[in-house]
N, C-alpha and C. Protein backbone atom coordinates (compact mmCIF):
# COMPACT_ATOMS: atom_id res chain seq x y z
N MET A 1 16.89 -12.07 19.83
CA MET A 1 15.38 -12.80 19.77
C MET A 1 14.89 -12.69 18.39
N ILE A 2 13.95 -13.73 18.53
CA ILE A 2 13.26 -14.23 17.05
C ILE A 2 12.73 -13.01 16.34
N LEU A 3 12.33 -12.04 16.98
CA LEU A 3 11.43 -11.15 16.02
C LEU A 3 12.54 -10.19 15.39
N GLU A 4 13.41 -10.09 16.46
CA GLU A 4 15.07 -9.39 15.68
C GLU A 4 15.79 -9.81 14.48
N MET A 5 15.72 -11.10 15.01
CA MET A 5 16.09 -11.86 13.57
C MET A 5 15.18 -12.00 12.51
N LEU A 6 14.06 -11.84 12.60
CA LEU A 6 13.02 -11.77 11.58
C LEU A 6 13.23 -10.26 10.89
N ALA A 7 13.04 -9.44 11.77
CA ALA A 7 13.18 -8.19 10.99
C ALA A 7 14.56 -8.00 10.22
N GLU A 8 15.70 -8.40 10.52
CA GLU A 8 16.89 -8.38 10.04
C GLU A 8 16.97 -9.40 8.78
N ALA A 9 16.46 -10.13 8.57
CA ALA A 9 16.18 -11.19 7.29
C ALA A 9 15.31 -10.51 6.48
N LEU A 10 14.36 -9.95 6.81
CA LEU A 10 13.17 -8.97 6.04
C LEU A 10 14.00 -7.97 5.33
N TYR A 11 15.09 -7.33 6.26
CA TYR A 11 15.68 -5.98 5.65
C TYR A 11 16.85 -6.56 4.38
N HIS A 12 17.15 -7.85 4.84
CA HIS A 12 18.33 -8.39 3.71
C HIS A 12 17.32 -9.05 2.60
N GLY A 13 16.20 -9.13 2.59
CA GLY A 13 15.16 -9.65 1.37
C GLY A 13 15.30 -11.14 1.34
N ARG A 14 15.59 -11.89 2.37
CA ARG A 14 15.54 -13.21 2.46
C ARG A 14 14.51 -13.97 2.94
N ALA A 15 13.73 -14.28 1.74
CA ALA A 15 12.35 -14.47 1.72
C ALA A 15 12.00 -16.09 2.59
N ASN A 16 12.69 -16.84 2.27
CA ASN A 16 12.97 -18.44 2.99
C ASN A 16 13.13 -18.20 4.21
N GLU A 17 14.01 -17.25 4.76
CA GLU A 17 14.30 -17.14 6.09
C GLU A 17 13.24 -16.29 6.81
N VAL A 18 12.70 -15.41 6.33
CA VAL A 18 11.44 -14.86 6.77
C VAL A 18 10.48 -16.02 6.97
N THR A 19 10.31 -16.71 5.85
CA THR A 19 9.13 -17.74 5.73
C THR A 19 9.50 -18.61 7.43
N ASN A 20 10.68 -19.14 7.52
CA ASN A 20 10.95 -19.91 8.51
C ASN A 20 11.26 -19.58 9.86
N LEU A 21 11.63 -18.16 10.11
CA LEU A 21 11.35 -17.47 11.16
C LEU A 21 9.83 -17.20 11.76
N THR A 22 9.00 -16.60 10.74
CA THR A 22 7.71 -16.44 11.09
C THR A 22 7.01 -17.81 11.60
N ARG A 23 7.28 -19.02 11.02
CA ARG A 23 6.52 -20.26 11.33
C ARG A 23 7.30 -20.57 12.67
N ARG A 24 8.70 -20.50 13.16
CA ARG A 24 9.19 -20.48 14.42
C ARG A 24 8.40 -19.39 15.54
N ALA A 25 8.39 -18.43 15.07
CA ALA A 25 7.83 -17.33 16.23
C ALA A 25 6.38 -17.77 16.34
N LEU A 26 5.65 -18.33 15.43
CA LEU A 26 4.14 -18.62 15.60
C LEU A 26 4.28 -19.84 16.48
N ALA A 27 5.46 -20.83 16.28
CA ALA A 27 5.45 -21.76 17.21
C ALA A 27 5.70 -21.55 18.77
N GLU A 28 6.01 -20.70 18.72
CA GLU A 28 6.58 -20.16 20.32
C GLU A 28 5.41 -19.32 20.87
N ASN A 29 4.32 -19.40 20.11
CA ASN A 29 3.02 -18.62 20.59
C ASN A 29 3.06 -17.19 20.53
N ILE A 30 4.07 -16.56 19.72
CA ILE A 30 4.09 -15.14 19.86
C ILE A 30 2.85 -14.84 18.68
N SER A 31 1.95 -13.76 19.04
CA SER A 31 0.80 -13.17 18.64
C SER A 31 1.25 -12.84 17.03
N ALA A 32 0.25 -13.18 16.01
CA ALA A 32 0.37 -12.72 14.77
C ALA A 32 0.67 -11.44 14.68
N LEU A 33 -0.23 -10.56 15.59
CA LEU A 33 0.11 -8.90 15.27
C LEU A 33 1.40 -8.66 15.89
N GLN A 34 1.96 -9.22 17.09
CA GLN A 34 3.37 -8.82 17.53
C GLN A 34 4.32 -9.15 16.49
N ILE A 35 4.35 -10.38 15.83
CA ILE A 35 5.11 -10.79 14.75
C ILE A 35 5.06 -9.65 13.49
N LEU A 36 3.87 -9.26 13.13
CA LEU A 36 3.84 -8.22 12.33
C LEU A 36 4.44 -6.83 12.85
N GLN A 37 4.18 -6.32 13.83
CA GLN A 37 4.68 -5.23 14.32
C GLN A 37 5.92 -5.10 14.78
N ASP A 38 6.31 -6.26 15.28
CA ASP A 38 7.81 -6.33 15.85
C ASP A 38 8.85 -6.79 15.06
N GLY A 39 8.18 -7.56 13.96
CA GLY A 39 9.32 -8.22 13.07
C GLY A 39 9.00 -7.65 11.71
N LEU A 40 8.15 -8.17 11.12
CA LEU A 40 7.97 -7.68 9.59
C LEU A 40 8.12 -6.08 9.30
N LEU A 41 7.14 -5.27 10.21
CA LEU A 41 7.02 -3.97 10.22
C LEU A 41 8.34 -3.02 10.48
N ARG A 42 8.99 -3.76 11.38
CA ARG A 42 10.21 -3.20 12.03
C ARG A 42 11.35 -3.31 11.12
N GLY A 43 11.27 -4.33 10.17
CA GLY A 43 12.45 -4.54 9.24
C GLY A 43 12.13 -3.81 8.11
N MET A 44 10.66 -3.45 7.76
CA MET A 44 10.27 -2.67 6.59
C MET A 44 10.43 -1.24 6.84
N ASP A 45 10.20 -0.78 8.10
CA ASP A 45 10.48 0.50 8.46
C ASP A 45 11.80 0.81 8.21
N ARG A 46 13.02 0.14 8.56
CA ARG A 46 14.18 0.25 8.21
C ARG A 46 14.55 0.31 6.85
N VAL A 47 14.15 -0.51 6.03
CA VAL A 47 14.15 -0.02 4.49
C VAL A 47 13.41 0.94 3.99
N GLY A 48 12.18 1.56 4.47
CA GLY A 48 11.92 2.68 4.07
C GLY A 48 12.53 3.99 4.45
N CYS A 49 13.11 3.88 5.74
CA CYS A 49 14.03 5.17 5.95
C CYS A 49 15.34 5.23 5.19
N GLU A 50 15.73 4.14 4.94
CA GLU A 50 17.04 3.74 4.11
C GLU A 50 16.95 4.08 2.88
N PHE A 51 15.94 3.66 2.17
CA PHE A 51 15.62 3.83 0.84
C PHE A 51 15.25 5.70 0.43
N LYS A 52 14.46 6.05 1.42
CA LYS A 52 14.47 7.47 1.51
C LYS A 52 15.66 8.27 1.54
N ALA A 53 16.47 7.92 2.14
CA ALA A 53 17.75 8.59 2.46
C ALA A 53 18.76 8.30 1.14
N GLY A 54 18.55 7.39 0.27
CA GLY A 54 19.31 6.89 -0.91
C GLY A 54 20.28 5.98 -0.53
N GLU A 55 20.32 5.29 0.42
CA GLU A 55 21.12 4.16 1.18
C GLU A 55 20.70 2.79 0.51
N LEU A 56 19.43 2.84 0.29
CA LEU A 56 19.09 1.53 -0.55
C LEU A 56 18.26 1.77 -1.59
N PHE A 57 18.38 1.01 -2.93
CA PHE A 57 17.84 1.17 -4.00
C PHE A 57 16.68 0.28 -4.20
N LEU A 58 15.79 0.49 -5.48
CA LEU A 58 14.79 -0.07 -5.85
C LEU A 58 14.91 -1.84 -5.68
N PRO A 59 15.92 -2.34 -6.38
CA PRO A 59 16.10 -3.73 -6.38
C PRO A 59 15.87 -4.38 -5.03
N GLU A 60 16.71 -3.55 -3.95
CA GLU A 60 16.61 -3.97 -2.43
C GLU A 60 15.49 -4.02 -1.96
N VAL A 61 14.72 -2.90 -2.48
CA VAL A 61 13.43 -2.62 -1.62
C VAL A 61 12.30 -3.69 -2.06
N ILE A 62 12.38 -4.13 -3.57
CA ILE A 62 11.41 -5.30 -4.00
C ILE A 62 11.69 -6.41 -3.20
N ALA A 63 12.94 -6.90 -3.00
CA ALA A 63 13.38 -8.10 -2.50
C ALA A 63 12.76 -8.00 -1.08
N SER A 64 12.91 -7.00 -0.19
CA SER A 64 12.53 -7.08 1.02
C SER A 64 11.02 -7.03 1.14
N ALA A 65 10.22 -6.45 0.28
CA ALA A 65 8.79 -6.54 -0.18
C ALA A 65 8.01 -7.56 -0.20
N LYS A 66 8.92 -8.56 -1.10
CA LYS A 66 8.67 -10.07 -1.54
C LYS A 66 8.97 -10.88 -0.13
N ALA A 67 10.12 -10.57 0.64
CA ALA A 67 10.24 -11.33 2.03
C ALA A 67 9.03 -10.84 3.12
N MET A 68 8.58 -9.85 2.95
CA MET A 68 7.74 -9.54 3.86
C MET A 68 6.16 -10.03 3.26
N HIS A 69 6.03 -10.12 2.11
CA HIS A 69 4.84 -10.92 1.62
C HIS A 69 4.91 -12.41 1.82
N ALA A 70 6.27 -13.03 2.15
CA ALA A 70 6.18 -14.26 2.36
C ALA A 70 6.04 -14.42 3.84
N GLY A 71 6.07 -13.76 4.86
CA GLY A 71 5.84 -13.82 6.07
C GLY A 71 4.49 -13.55 6.26
N LEU A 72 3.95 -12.25 5.58
CA LEU A 72 2.64 -12.15 5.62
C LEU A 72 1.45 -13.19 5.28
N SER A 73 1.92 -14.00 4.26
CA SER A 73 1.09 -15.15 3.78
C SER A 73 0.60 -16.40 4.88
N LEU A 74 1.75 -16.28 5.91
CA LEU A 74 1.44 -17.00 6.84
C LEU A 74 0.60 -16.26 8.00
N LEU A 75 0.81 -14.99 8.17
CA LEU A 75 -0.12 -14.19 8.96
C LEU A 75 -1.31 -13.83 8.76
N ARG A 76 -1.56 -13.58 7.50
CA ARG A 76 -2.86 -13.45 7.05
C ARG A 76 -4.01 -13.91 7.39
N PRO A 77 -4.16 -15.46 7.72
CA PRO A 77 -5.43 -15.93 8.13
C PRO A 77 -5.52 -15.65 9.46
N LEU A 78 -4.61 -15.29 10.58
CA LEU A 78 -4.49 -15.16 11.91
C LEU A 78 -4.93 -13.60 11.94
N LEU A 79 -4.33 -12.75 11.14
CA LEU A 79 -4.81 -11.36 11.52
C LEU A 79 -6.45 -11.01 10.98
N ALA A 80 -6.73 -11.73 9.71
CA ALA A 80 -8.29 -11.64 9.75
C ALA A 80 -9.25 -11.89 10.65
N GLN A 81 -8.77 -12.88 11.51
CA GLN A 81 -9.42 -12.78 12.43
C GLN A 81 -9.86 -11.87 13.75
N SER A 82 -9.01 -10.62 13.37
CA SER A 82 -8.83 -9.52 14.14
C SER A 82 -9.11 -8.23 13.62
N PRO A 83 -10.49 -7.86 13.30
CA PRO A 83 -10.69 -6.75 12.74
C PRO A 83 -9.89 -5.42 13.05
N SER A 84 -9.66 -5.55 14.28
CA SER A 84 -9.00 -4.22 14.87
C SER A 84 -7.68 -4.25 14.47
N THR A 85 -6.84 -4.90 13.90
CA THR A 85 -5.37 -4.99 12.83
C THR A 85 -5.86 -4.36 11.80
N ARG A 86 -7.09 -4.00 11.10
CA ARG A 86 -7.01 -3.60 9.90
C ARG A 86 -7.09 -2.17 9.69
N LEU A 87 -6.32 -1.56 8.97
CA LEU A 87 -6.13 -0.07 9.02
C LEU A 87 -7.20 0.77 8.23
N GLY A 88 -7.51 -0.09 7.09
CA GLY A 88 -8.86 0.39 6.20
C GLY A 88 -8.34 -0.65 4.87
N ARG A 89 -9.10 -0.20 3.87
CA ARG A 89 -9.47 -0.62 2.64
C ARG A 89 -8.88 0.22 1.60
N VAL A 90 -8.08 -0.40 0.49
CA VAL A 90 -7.56 0.42 -0.63
C VAL A 90 -7.85 -0.41 -1.60
N VAL A 91 -8.40 0.35 -2.54
CA VAL A 91 -8.36 -0.38 -4.08
C VAL A 91 -7.30 0.48 -5.09
N ILE A 92 -6.30 -0.24 -5.59
CA ILE A 92 -5.28 0.02 -6.33
C ILE A 92 -5.16 -0.54 -7.66
N GLY A 93 -4.53 0.42 -8.74
CA GLY A 93 -4.40 -0.20 -9.87
C GLY A 93 -3.88 0.81 -10.82
N THR A 94 -3.33 0.28 -12.02
CA THR A 94 -2.54 0.91 -12.90
C THR A 94 -3.62 1.74 -14.04
N VAL A 95 -3.56 2.72 -14.39
CA VAL A 95 -4.47 3.26 -15.21
C VAL A 95 -4.56 2.94 -16.79
N GLN A 96 -5.62 2.89 -17.60
CA GLN A 96 -5.82 2.32 -18.90
C GLN A 96 -4.66 2.96 -19.63
N GLY A 97 -4.24 1.90 -20.73
CA GLY A 97 -3.01 2.08 -21.43
C GLY A 97 -1.62 1.80 -20.92
N ASP A 98 -1.54 1.63 -19.39
CA ASP A 98 -0.39 1.42 -18.98
C ASP A 98 -0.28 0.19 -18.42
N LEU A 99 0.78 -0.69 -18.95
CA LEU A 99 1.01 -2.02 -18.19
C LEU A 99 2.01 -2.05 -17.12
N HIS A 100 2.72 -1.23 -16.59
CA HIS A 100 3.64 -1.24 -15.67
C HIS A 100 3.08 -1.33 -14.51
N ASP A 101 3.70 -2.44 -13.83
CA ASP A 101 3.05 -2.67 -12.36
C ASP A 101 4.13 -2.93 -11.39
N ILE A 102 5.19 -2.97 -11.53
CA ILE A 102 6.22 -3.30 -10.22
C ILE A 102 5.96 -2.25 -9.24
N GLY A 103 6.02 -0.90 -9.67
CA GLY A 103 5.91 0.01 -8.55
C GLY A 103 4.48 -0.36 -7.85
N LYS A 104 3.38 -0.34 -8.57
CA LYS A 104 1.89 -0.53 -8.14
C LYS A 104 2.07 -1.69 -7.16
N ASN A 105 2.54 -2.93 -7.85
CA ASN A 105 2.70 -4.01 -6.88
C ASN A 105 3.57 -3.79 -5.48
N LEU A 106 4.53 -3.06 -5.38
CA LEU A 106 5.34 -2.77 -4.52
C LEU A 106 4.50 -1.99 -3.38
N VAL A 107 3.87 -0.96 -3.56
CA VAL A 107 2.84 -0.40 -3.00
C VAL A 107 1.84 -0.97 -2.39
N ALA A 108 1.28 -2.14 -3.24
CA ALA A 108 0.10 -2.89 -2.74
C ALA A 108 0.75 -3.65 -1.66
N MET A 109 2.05 -4.35 -1.59
CA MET A 109 2.36 -5.36 -0.56
C MET A 109 2.96 -4.51 0.58
N MET A 110 3.34 -3.37 0.47
CA MET A 110 3.66 -2.53 1.75
C MET A 110 2.29 -2.24 2.50
N LEU A 111 1.09 -1.75 1.50
CA LEU A 111 0.13 -1.63 2.36
C LEU A 111 -0.63 -2.49 3.13
N GLU A 112 -0.31 -3.75 2.43
CA GLU A 112 -1.26 -5.04 3.16
C GLU A 112 -0.17 -5.41 3.93
N GLY A 113 0.91 -5.47 4.13
CA GLY A 113 2.02 -5.34 5.20
C GLY A 113 1.68 -4.86 6.35
N ALA A 114 1.14 -3.35 5.88
CA ALA A 114 0.99 -2.74 7.24
C ALA A 114 -0.11 -2.69 7.74
N GLY A 115 -0.99 -3.54 7.52
CA GLY A 115 -2.41 -3.58 8.00
C GLY A 115 -3.66 -3.27 7.03
N PHE A 116 -3.36 -2.73 5.94
CA PHE A 116 -4.56 -2.35 4.95
C PHE A 116 -4.99 -3.57 4.31
N GLU A 117 -6.37 -3.77 4.04
CA GLU A 117 -6.90 -4.74 3.03
C GLU A 117 -7.01 -3.97 1.71
N VAL A 118 -5.88 -4.84 0.92
CA VAL A 118 -5.82 -4.47 -0.46
C VAL A 118 -6.33 -5.10 -1.87
N ILE A 119 -7.40 -4.21 -2.52
CA ILE A 119 -7.83 -4.83 -3.63
C ILE A 119 -7.33 -4.30 -4.92
N ASP A 120 -6.38 -5.06 -5.60
CA ASP A 120 -5.42 -4.77 -6.60
C ASP A 120 -6.19 -5.15 -7.97
N LEU A 121 -6.68 -4.13 -8.89
CA LEU A 121 -7.46 -4.28 -10.09
C LEU A 121 -6.39 -4.64 -11.21
N GLY A 122 -4.99 -4.55 -10.96
CA GLY A 122 -4.13 -5.02 -11.98
C GLY A 122 -3.82 -3.68 -12.65
N VAL A 123 -3.48 -3.98 -14.13
CA VAL A 123 -2.97 -2.69 -14.99
C VAL A 123 -4.12 -2.40 -16.30
N ASP A 124 -3.94 -1.83 -16.94
CA ASP A 124 -4.72 -1.11 -17.92
C ASP A 124 -6.04 -1.03 -17.49
N VAL A 125 -6.79 -0.37 -16.27
CA VAL A 125 -7.88 -0.12 -15.76
C VAL A 125 -8.55 0.98 -16.11
N THR A 126 -9.62 0.78 -16.66
CA THR A 126 -10.28 1.92 -17.19
C THR A 126 -11.21 2.51 -16.04
N ALA A 127 -11.48 3.91 -16.34
CA ALA A 127 -12.01 4.95 -15.56
C ALA A 127 -13.45 4.26 -15.10
N THR A 128 -14.15 3.56 -15.84
CA THR A 128 -15.04 2.72 -15.34
C THR A 128 -14.98 1.58 -14.29
N ARG A 129 -13.91 1.16 -14.76
CA ARG A 129 -13.79 -0.19 -13.82
C ARG A 129 -13.28 0.62 -12.43
N PHE A 130 -12.46 1.65 -12.41
CA PHE A 130 -12.29 2.17 -11.08
C PHE A 130 -13.55 2.44 -10.37
N GLU A 131 -14.35 2.94 -11.30
CA GLU A 131 -15.80 3.61 -10.51
C GLU A 131 -16.40 2.47 -9.96
N ASP A 132 -16.55 1.44 -10.63
CA ASP A 132 -17.28 0.25 -10.08
C ASP A 132 -16.90 -0.65 -8.99
N ALA A 133 -15.40 -0.43 -8.84
CA ALA A 133 -14.60 -0.74 -7.84
C ALA A 133 -14.83 -0.20 -6.64
N VAL A 134 -14.61 1.28 -6.77
CA VAL A 134 -15.32 2.09 -5.54
C VAL A 134 -16.64 1.93 -5.16
N ARG A 135 -17.40 1.77 -6.04
CA ARG A 135 -19.25 1.29 -5.52
C ARG A 135 -19.13 0.11 -4.89
N GLN A 136 -18.35 -0.96 -5.86
CA GLN A 136 -18.51 -2.49 -4.81
C GLN A 136 -18.00 -2.60 -3.84
N PHE A 137 -16.49 -1.92 -3.73
CA PHE A 137 -15.90 -2.52 -2.30
C PHE A 137 -15.85 -1.34 -1.32
N GLN A 138 -16.55 -0.29 -1.68
CA GLN A 138 -16.59 0.84 -0.62
C GLN A 138 -15.13 0.95 0.07
N PRO A 139 -14.28 1.44 -0.70
CA PRO A 139 -12.75 1.64 -0.15
C PRO A 139 -12.71 2.85 0.44
N ASP A 140 -11.46 2.94 1.72
CA ASP A 140 -11.22 4.35 2.15
C ASP A 140 -10.31 4.82 1.25
N LEU A 141 -9.51 4.53 0.59
CA LEU A 141 -8.47 5.07 -0.24
C LEU A 141 -8.39 4.30 -1.77
N LEU A 142 -8.49 5.10 -2.63
CA LEU A 142 -8.10 4.74 -3.99
C LEU A 142 -6.73 5.05 -4.47
N GLY A 143 -5.55 3.91 -5.31
CA GLY A 143 -4.47 4.30 -5.52
C GLY A 143 -4.33 4.12 -7.02
N LEU A 144 -4.01 5.27 -7.90
CA LEU A 144 -3.85 5.25 -9.26
C LEU A 144 -2.43 5.56 -9.54
N SER A 145 -1.85 4.66 -10.45
CA SER A 145 -0.41 4.58 -10.64
C SER A 145 -0.46 4.76 -12.25
N ALA A 146 0.49 5.60 -12.80
CA ALA A 146 0.78 5.77 -14.15
C ALA A 146 2.44 5.65 -14.23
N LEU A 147 3.02 5.07 -15.05
CA LEU A 147 4.49 5.25 -15.47
C LEU A 147 4.85 5.75 -16.59
N LEU A 148 3.87 6.12 -17.64
CA LEU A 148 4.01 6.81 -18.81
C LEU A 148 3.27 8.10 -19.02
N THR A 149 4.07 9.28 -19.31
CA THR A 149 3.51 10.65 -19.54
C THR A 149 2.26 10.47 -20.24
N THR A 150 1.92 9.68 -21.37
CA THR A 150 0.54 9.33 -22.16
C THR A 150 -0.07 9.07 -21.63
N THR A 151 0.01 8.21 -20.44
CA THR A 151 -1.21 7.76 -19.53
C THR A 151 -1.72 8.71 -18.30
N MET A 152 -1.14 9.68 -18.08
CA MET A 152 -0.99 10.51 -16.97
C MET A 152 -2.65 10.91 -17.32
N PRO A 153 -2.89 11.41 -18.06
CA PRO A 153 -4.29 12.05 -18.19
C PRO A 153 -5.60 11.12 -17.75
N GLU A 154 -5.17 9.74 -17.93
CA GLU A 154 -6.28 8.90 -17.29
C GLU A 154 -6.53 8.94 -15.98
N MET A 155 -5.85 9.66 -15.07
CA MET A 155 -6.10 10.03 -13.59
C MET A 155 -7.21 10.90 -13.49
N PRO A 156 -7.01 11.95 -14.10
CA PRO A 156 -8.38 13.09 -14.02
C PRO A 156 -9.37 12.34 -14.76
N ARG A 157 -9.39 11.73 -15.40
CA ARG A 157 -10.49 10.81 -16.01
C ARG A 157 -11.27 10.09 -14.87
N VAL A 158 -10.60 9.42 -14.19
CA VAL A 158 -11.17 8.32 -12.92
C VAL A 158 -11.61 9.57 -12.09
N ILE A 159 -11.06 10.71 -11.91
CA ILE A 159 -11.56 11.39 -10.83
C ILE A 159 -12.85 12.03 -11.18
N ALA A 160 -13.04 12.35 -12.49
CA ALA A 160 -13.97 12.90 -13.21
C ALA A 160 -15.25 11.72 -13.25
N ALA A 161 -14.75 10.55 -13.24
CA ALA A 161 -15.64 9.56 -13.34
C ALA A 161 -16.58 9.43 -11.94
N LEU A 162 -15.59 9.46 -10.80
CA LEU A 162 -15.99 9.37 -9.52
C LEU A 162 -17.01 10.71 -9.07
N ASP A 163 -16.67 11.87 -9.89
CA ASP A 163 -17.49 12.87 -9.55
C ASP A 163 -18.79 12.88 -10.03
N SER A 164 -18.81 12.47 -11.20
CA SER A 164 -20.11 12.10 -12.14
C SER A 164 -21.08 11.04 -11.50
N ALA A 165 -20.46 10.19 -10.99
CA ALA A 165 -21.39 9.00 -10.06
C ALA A 165 -21.44 9.40 -8.54
N GLY A 166 -21.20 10.37 -8.17
CA GLY A 166 -21.52 11.06 -6.77
C GLY A 166 -20.24 10.00 -5.76
N LEU A 167 -19.48 9.66 -6.30
CA LEU A 167 -18.57 8.97 -5.21
C LEU A 167 -17.31 9.33 -4.86
N ARG A 168 -17.07 10.61 -5.14
CA ARG A 168 -15.93 11.32 -5.00
C ARG A 168 -15.41 11.67 -3.71
N ARG A 169 -16.74 11.89 -2.93
CA ARG A 169 -16.47 12.41 -1.82
C ARG A 169 -16.42 11.30 -0.54
N GLN A 170 -16.63 10.07 -0.94
CA GLN A 170 -16.47 8.84 -0.02
C GLN A 170 -14.85 8.43 -0.20
N VAL A 171 -14.24 8.67 -0.84
CA VAL A 171 -12.66 8.20 -1.03
C VAL A 171 -11.63 9.03 -1.19
N LYS A 172 -10.69 8.72 -0.69
CA LYS A 172 -9.46 9.77 -1.03
C LYS A 172 -8.72 9.04 -1.79
N VAL A 173 -8.34 9.87 -2.94
CA VAL A 173 -7.40 9.27 -4.00
C VAL A 173 -6.24 9.77 -3.75
N MET A 174 -5.24 8.79 -4.00
CA MET A 174 -3.65 8.99 -3.92
C MET A 174 -3.27 8.63 -5.31
N ILE A 175 -2.02 9.26 -5.72
CA ILE A 175 -1.60 8.95 -7.27
C ILE A 175 0.12 8.84 -7.06
N GLY A 176 0.58 8.31 -8.03
CA GLY A 176 2.14 7.90 -8.11
C GLY A 176 2.40 7.48 -9.50
N GLY A 177 3.78 7.33 -9.72
CA GLY A 177 4.42 6.89 -10.79
C GLY A 177 5.56 7.94 -11.33
N ALA A 178 6.44 7.45 -11.99
CA ALA A 178 7.67 8.17 -12.27
C ALA A 178 7.36 9.59 -12.93
N PRO A 179 6.35 9.77 -13.95
CA PRO A 179 5.98 10.95 -14.34
C PRO A 179 5.24 11.91 -13.52
N VAL A 180 4.57 11.48 -12.47
CA VAL A 180 3.76 12.18 -11.62
C VAL A 180 4.42 13.18 -10.69
N THR A 181 3.88 14.45 -10.39
CA THR A 181 4.23 15.17 -9.62
C THR A 181 3.30 15.74 -8.70
N GLN A 182 3.96 16.36 -7.35
CA GLN A 182 2.65 17.15 -6.49
C GLN A 182 1.59 17.87 -7.28
N HIS A 183 2.60 18.84 -7.96
CA HIS A 183 1.73 19.73 -8.78
C HIS A 183 0.49 19.26 -9.64
N PHE A 184 0.88 18.23 -10.41
CA PHE A 184 -0.30 17.47 -11.07
C PHE A 184 -1.17 16.89 -10.08
N ALA A 185 -1.11 16.42 -9.10
CA ALA A 185 -1.76 15.83 -8.15
C ALA A 185 -2.74 17.29 -7.74
N ASP A 186 -1.98 18.04 -7.36
CA ASP A 186 -2.93 19.27 -7.19
C ASP A 186 -4.02 19.81 -8.04
N GLU A 187 -3.34 19.93 -9.61
CA GLU A 187 -4.06 20.46 -10.37
C GLU A 187 -5.34 19.52 -11.03
N ILE A 188 -5.09 18.05 -10.44
CA ILE A 188 -6.32 17.43 -10.86
C ILE A 188 -6.95 16.80 -9.62
N GLY A 189 -6.83 17.44 -8.43
CA GLY A 189 -7.89 17.31 -7.56
C GLY A 189 -7.54 16.06 -6.84
N ALA A 190 -6.60 15.49 -6.91
CA ALA A 190 -6.11 14.23 -5.94
C ALA A 190 -5.76 14.67 -4.41
N ASP A 191 -6.03 13.62 -3.62
CA ASP A 191 -5.98 14.25 -2.39
C ASP A 191 -4.49 14.15 -1.77
N GLY A 192 -3.57 13.06 -2.80
CA GLY A 192 -2.33 13.27 -2.39
C GLY A 192 -1.34 12.40 -3.20
N TYR A 193 -0.18 12.79 -3.15
CA TYR A 193 0.97 12.14 -4.19
C TYR A 193 2.01 11.33 -3.52
N ALA A 194 2.52 10.26 -3.90
CA ALA A 194 3.89 9.89 -3.50
C ALA A 194 4.83 9.37 -4.43
N PRO A 195 6.04 9.69 -4.20
CA PRO A 195 7.17 9.48 -5.12
C PRO A 195 7.67 7.78 -5.06
N ASN A 196 7.11 7.31 -4.13
CA ASN A 196 7.60 6.02 -4.04
C ASN A 196 6.98 5.17 -2.84
N ALA A 197 7.36 3.94 -2.95
CA ALA A 197 6.48 2.91 -2.49
C ALA A 197 6.45 3.28 -0.67
N PRO A 198 7.68 3.66 -0.04
CA PRO A 198 7.45 4.21 1.64
C PRO A 198 6.94 4.99 1.49
N ALA A 199 6.87 6.31 0.60
CA ALA A 199 6.33 7.18 0.65
C ALA A 199 4.40 7.22 0.74
N ALA A 200 4.28 6.07 -0.19
CA ALA A 200 3.12 5.87 -0.38
C ALA A 200 2.16 5.40 0.98
N LEU A 201 3.15 4.65 1.33
CA LEU A 201 2.56 3.92 2.82
C LEU A 201 2.25 5.10 3.84
N GLU A 202 3.16 5.93 4.08
CA GLU A 202 3.01 7.04 4.82
C GLU A 202 1.95 7.95 4.56
N LEU A 203 1.84 8.32 3.41
CA LEU A 203 0.65 8.68 2.65
C LEU A 203 -0.69 8.19 3.00
N ALA A 204 -0.70 7.02 2.67
CA ALA A 204 -1.84 6.10 3.30
C ALA A 204 -2.48 6.25 4.47
N LYS A 205 -1.35 6.19 5.42
CA LYS A 205 -1.68 6.04 6.66
C LYS A 205 -2.40 7.81 7.19
N ARG A 206 -1.50 8.51 6.62
CA ARG A 206 -2.10 9.91 7.17
C ARG A 206 -3.43 10.36 6.66
N LEU A 207 -3.60 9.96 5.07
CA LEU A 207 -5.06 10.28 4.67
C LEU A 207 -6.27 9.54 5.67
N GLN A 208 -5.99 8.26 5.88
CA GLN A 208 -6.80 7.54 6.67
C GLN A 208 -6.95 7.72 8.02
N ALA A 209 -5.87 8.51 8.64
CA ALA A 209 -5.88 8.99 9.87
C ALA A 209 -6.81 10.38 9.69
N TYR A 210 -7.03 11.11 8.67
CA TYR A 210 -7.26 12.26 8.40
C TYR A 210 -8.95 11.86 8.24
N ARG A 211 -9.06 10.88 7.78
CA ARG A 211 -10.59 10.30 7.66
C ARG A 211 -11.14 10.21 8.72
N ILE A 212 -10.68 9.26 9.56
CA ILE A 212 -11.06 8.67 10.84
C ILE A 212 -11.23 10.01 11.72
N ASP A 213 -10.52 10.99 11.81
CA ASP A 213 -10.51 12.03 12.88
C ASP A 213 -11.71 12.88 12.21
N ASN A 214 -12.06 13.18 11.12
CA ASN A 214 -12.93 13.89 10.24
C ASN A 214 -14.66 13.21 10.59
N GLU A 215 -14.28 11.75 10.69
CA GLU A 215 -15.51 11.17 10.75
C GLU A 215 -16.10 11.12 12.17
N ASN A 216 -15.22 11.07 13.06
CA ASN A 216 -15.49 11.18 14.42
C ASN A 216 -14.63 12.30 15.28
N PRO A 217 -15.26 13.46 14.93
CA PRO A 217 -14.70 14.68 15.62
C PRO A 217 -15.09 14.54 17.14
N SER A 218 -14.02 15.15 17.72
CA SER A 218 -14.14 15.18 19.15
C SER A 218 -15.03 16.41 19.63
N GLY A 219 -15.83 16.33 20.71
CA GLY A 219 -16.56 17.41 21.23
C GLY A 219 -17.50 17.74 20.16
């Protein structure tokens, strides 16, 4: 089946093949949502599981994420017509003083592929810029990335800025990056920590489900 072929091509990071198969699937009147769920995300789920198990490595994950982005670029206009497919809105960026973006970009691509609306602020983002973005875009989640030990202190500064502005309660903050740990996340009052992109996607889904459950309590 074409969606199985699509998942396989994505797993192997073949962006051109993913583009062609996505076009074929659309031509066969398969819905954009089904292509996303049973093709792209099925392939990316396999990548995430094997990366977590140590069977795949970062270059392969990046290739698969780029292939997913290639397919997603064709589906995005169609998915945008269906608000029910959107999981939530995420603002993401690398903190001030840090110019690293590979990990952050990978997380952004995986979140977008899974159905989140992603606003990527880029690198070297000040606490004030994060604060302004939360005020402007009203995201459900805020993702902070740091790859240098020297830039980690910017993360609590962002959280402090949100506190001072009265915005902290309205957004869940997730952090990540090579030097970052769960202990550090707990210490600075972040809502979650993820060691890699697949884990960041799982965390985002978990935090968003928690938000929805608490905003709409049963009984």
